[in-house]
Protein backbone atom coordinates (compact mmCIF):
# COMPACT_ATOMS: atom_id res chain seq x y z
CA MET A 1 186.26 49.85 119.81
CA ASN A 2 183.70 47.24 120.72
CA ILE A 3 181.02 47.97 123.28
CA PHE A 4 182.49 45.67 125.95
CA LYS A 5 185.91 47.35 125.81
CA ALA A 6 184.17 50.73 125.98
CA MET A 7 182.58 49.77 129.31
CA LYS A 8 185.89 49.02 131.05
CA PRO A 9 187.72 52.04 132.48
CA ASP A 10 191.48 52.36 132.24
CA ALA A 11 191.69 52.68 136.03
CA VAL A 12 189.36 52.44 139.04
CA TYR A 13 189.73 54.22 142.40
CA LYS A 14 187.47 54.48 145.42
CA LYS A 15 187.35 58.28 145.27
CA VAL A 16 188.89 61.13 143.31
CA THR A 17 191.24 62.07 146.12
CA ASP A 18 192.77 58.56 145.92
CA ILE A 19 193.89 59.09 142.32
CA PRO A 20 197.69 59.47 142.07
CA PHE A 21 197.60 62.76 140.15
CA GLU A 22 201.38 63.06 140.63
CA GLN A 23 201.93 59.92 138.53
CA TYR A 24 199.70 61.23 135.76
CA ALA A 25 201.44 64.62 135.80
CA SER A 26 204.83 62.91 135.53
CA LYS A 27 203.56 61.18 132.36
CA GLY A 28 202.62 64.50 130.72
CA VAL A 29 198.97 64.75 131.75
CA ASN A 30 198.09 68.42 132.22
CA CYS A 31 194.31 68.40 131.77
CA VAL A 32 191.64 66.76 133.93
CA LEU A 33 188.05 66.48 132.78
CA PHE A 34 185.61 65.83 135.61
CA ASP A 35 182.03 64.66 135.72
CA PHE A 36 180.29 66.44 138.60
CA ASP A 37 177.25 64.49 139.81
CA ASN A 38 178.37 61.83 142.27
CA THR A 39 181.99 62.17 141.12
CA ILE A 40 183.18 65.37 142.80
CA GLY A 41 179.88 66.39 144.39
CA PRO A 42 176.45 65.10 145.41
CA ASP A 43 174.02 64.04 142.68
CA HIS A 44 171.97 66.99 141.38
CA ALA A 45 173.63 69.49 143.74
CA THR A 46 173.49 73.13 142.71
CA GLU A 47 176.63 74.17 144.60
CA PRO A 48 180.09 72.67 144.88
CA ASN A 49 181.03 71.49 148.35
CA GLU A 50 184.33 71.15 150.21
CA TYR A 51 185.12 67.85 148.49
CA SER A 52 184.53 69.44 145.06
CA PHE A 53 187.10 72.12 145.81
CA GLU A 54 189.53 69.54 147.22
CA CYS A 55 189.37 67.48 144.00
CA ILE A 56 190.04 70.49 141.78
CA LYS A 57 192.88 71.62 144.06
CA LYS A 58 194.62 68.21 143.84
CA ALA A 59 194.92 68.69 140.10
CA SER A 60 195.66 72.42 140.07
CA ASP A 61 198.44 72.08 142.67
CA LEU A 62 200.29 70.01 140.05
CA GLY A 63 199.70 72.56 137.28
CA MET A 64 196.83 70.61 135.72
CA GLU A 65 193.87 72.53 134.32
CA SER A 66 190.38 71.20 134.96
CA CYS A 67 187.09 71.27 133.09
CA LEU A 68 183.64 70.03 134.07
CA VAL A 69 182.01 67.80 131.43
CA SER A 70 178.37 67.29 132.34
CA ASN A 71 175.15 66.05 130.80
CA ALA A 72 173.33 68.46 133.11
CA LYS A 73 171.62 71.67 132.04
CA SER A 74 173.91 74.55 131.30
CA GLY A 75 172.76 76.82 134.14
CA ARG A 76 173.50 74.36 136.92
CA SER A 77 176.76 73.01 135.47
CA SER A 78 178.11 76.41 134.48
CA GLY A 79 177.27 77.82 137.89
CA ILE A 80 179.12 75.02 139.66
CA ALA A 81 182.12 75.30 137.32
CA GLY A 82 182.21 79.08 137.81
CA LYS A 83 182.33 78.68 141.58
CA LEU A 84 185.10 76.10 141.20
CA GLY A 85 187.01 78.47 138.91
CA ILE A 86 187.16 76.01 136.00
CA LYS A 87 185.78 75.74 132.48
CA CYS A 88 182.68 73.75 131.62
CA VAL A 89 181.07 71.78 128.82
CA THR A 90 177.33 71.30 129.30
CA TYR A 91 174.89 69.02 127.51
CA ALA A 92 177.82 66.66 126.90
CA HIS A 93 175.55 63.90 125.57
CA LYS A 94 177.57 61.19 127.30
CA PRO A 95 178.07 58.32 126.38
CA ARG A 96 178.74 59.93 123.02
CA PRO A 97 182.27 61.37 122.86
CA ASP A 98 181.07 64.80 121.66
CA GLY A 99 181.30 66.51 125.06
CA ILE A 100 184.78 65.16 125.71
CA ASN A 101 185.91 66.32 122.27
CA ARG A 102 184.40 69.77 122.88
CA ALA A 103 186.26 69.95 126.19
CA LEU A 104 189.56 69.02 124.51
CA GLU A 105 189.01 71.80 122.00
CA LEU A 106 188.00 74.29 124.70
CA MET A 107 191.06 73.43 126.79
CA GLY A 108 193.42 73.29 123.79
CA ARG A 109 194.62 69.83 124.82
CA THR A 110 195.24 66.48 123.16
CA LYS A 111 193.84 63.10 124.20
CA GLU A 112 197.30 62.03 125.34
CA GLU A 113 197.63 64.83 127.88
CA THR A 114 194.11 64.46 129.28
CA ILE A 115 192.33 62.19 131.75
CA PHE A 116 188.57 61.95 132.31
CA ILE A 117 187.08 61.04 135.69
CA GLY A 118 183.52 59.87 136.30
CA ASP A 119 181.38 57.51 138.36
CA GLN A 120 179.11 55.82 135.81
CA ILE A 121 179.93 53.14 133.26
CA PHE A 122 177.10 53.82 130.79
CA THR A 123 177.79 57.55 130.54
CA ASP A 124 181.20 58.66 131.82
CA VAL A 125 183.36 55.61 131.16
CA MET A 126 181.92 54.96 127.73
CA ALA A 127 182.22 58.62 126.67
CA GLY A 128 185.85 58.77 127.76
CA ARG A 129 186.75 55.48 126.12
CA PHE A 130 184.96 56.39 122.86
CA ALA A 131 186.81 59.73 122.85
CA GLY A 132 190.13 57.94 123.32
CA VAL A 133 191.19 59.62 126.56
CA HIS A 134 192.52 57.79 129.64
CA THR A 135 189.35 57.15 131.64
CA ILE A 136 189.17 56.75 135.40
CA MET A 137 186.12 55.46 137.23
CA VAL A 138 185.47 56.27 140.88
CA GLU A 139 182.84 54.92 143.22
CA PRO A 140 179.79 57.18 143.62
CA TYR A 141 180.39 60.08 146.01
CA ALA A 142 177.03 59.63 147.76
CA LYS A 143 174.49 56.84 148.14
CA LYS A 144 171.48 59.05 147.39
CA GLU A 145 170.65 59.08 143.67
CA VAL A 146 167.60 59.59 141.47
CA TRP A 147 165.64 56.47 140.59
CA TYR A 148 166.91 56.06 137.03
CA ILE A 149 170.54 56.13 138.18
CA VAL A 150 169.73 53.53 140.85
CA LEU A 151 168.31 51.35 138.08
CA LYS A 152 171.49 51.74 135.99
CA ARG A 153 173.65 50.82 138.99
CA PHE A 154 172.12 47.33 138.98
CA PHE A 155 173.31 46.79 135.41
CA GLU A 156 176.69 48.34 136.22
CA LYS A 157 177.18 45.71 138.92
CA ILE A 158 176.69 42.98 136.34
CA VAL A 159 179.16 44.62 133.93
CA ARG A 160 181.72 45.05 136.72
CA LEU A 161 181.30 41.46 137.83
CA PHE A 162 181.94 40.06 134.36
CA GLY A 163 184.60 42.69 133.55
CA ARG A 164 186.35 42.10 136.90
CA PHE A 165 186.79 45.74 137.93
């Protein structure tokens, strides 16, 4: 896959709760991999919030299992996943597909029955696309982000403009 195709998600939604999980479930999807920071919770949060639980519940109500796939340190990510009652892959090394592949193995799922949801092109989208799973991009959960993410957002805008998504 060329780099430009890797930057374009399979689908884009404003927020996780807008995703039609029912449609994915009807197509055989039974596993949802989530990024945490600014996807289902605030950037660098140490606790899940109401929205985090709502996102996981949308999937679990349809019989889908969820797993957190995060580049964050293991203590923070594992703690959040534990409170959400889901599995977790830490140090995912996104945009490399390693973390996604580890999650597939951990969950005992195939690429065809899995979706990956994240908010960043240069980490989440590219990792999901390189791993070959259906990749969904959502708008950032919160406006507040660390400086290096703010810098990446500028370049994401350019990619989205030229990629028309």
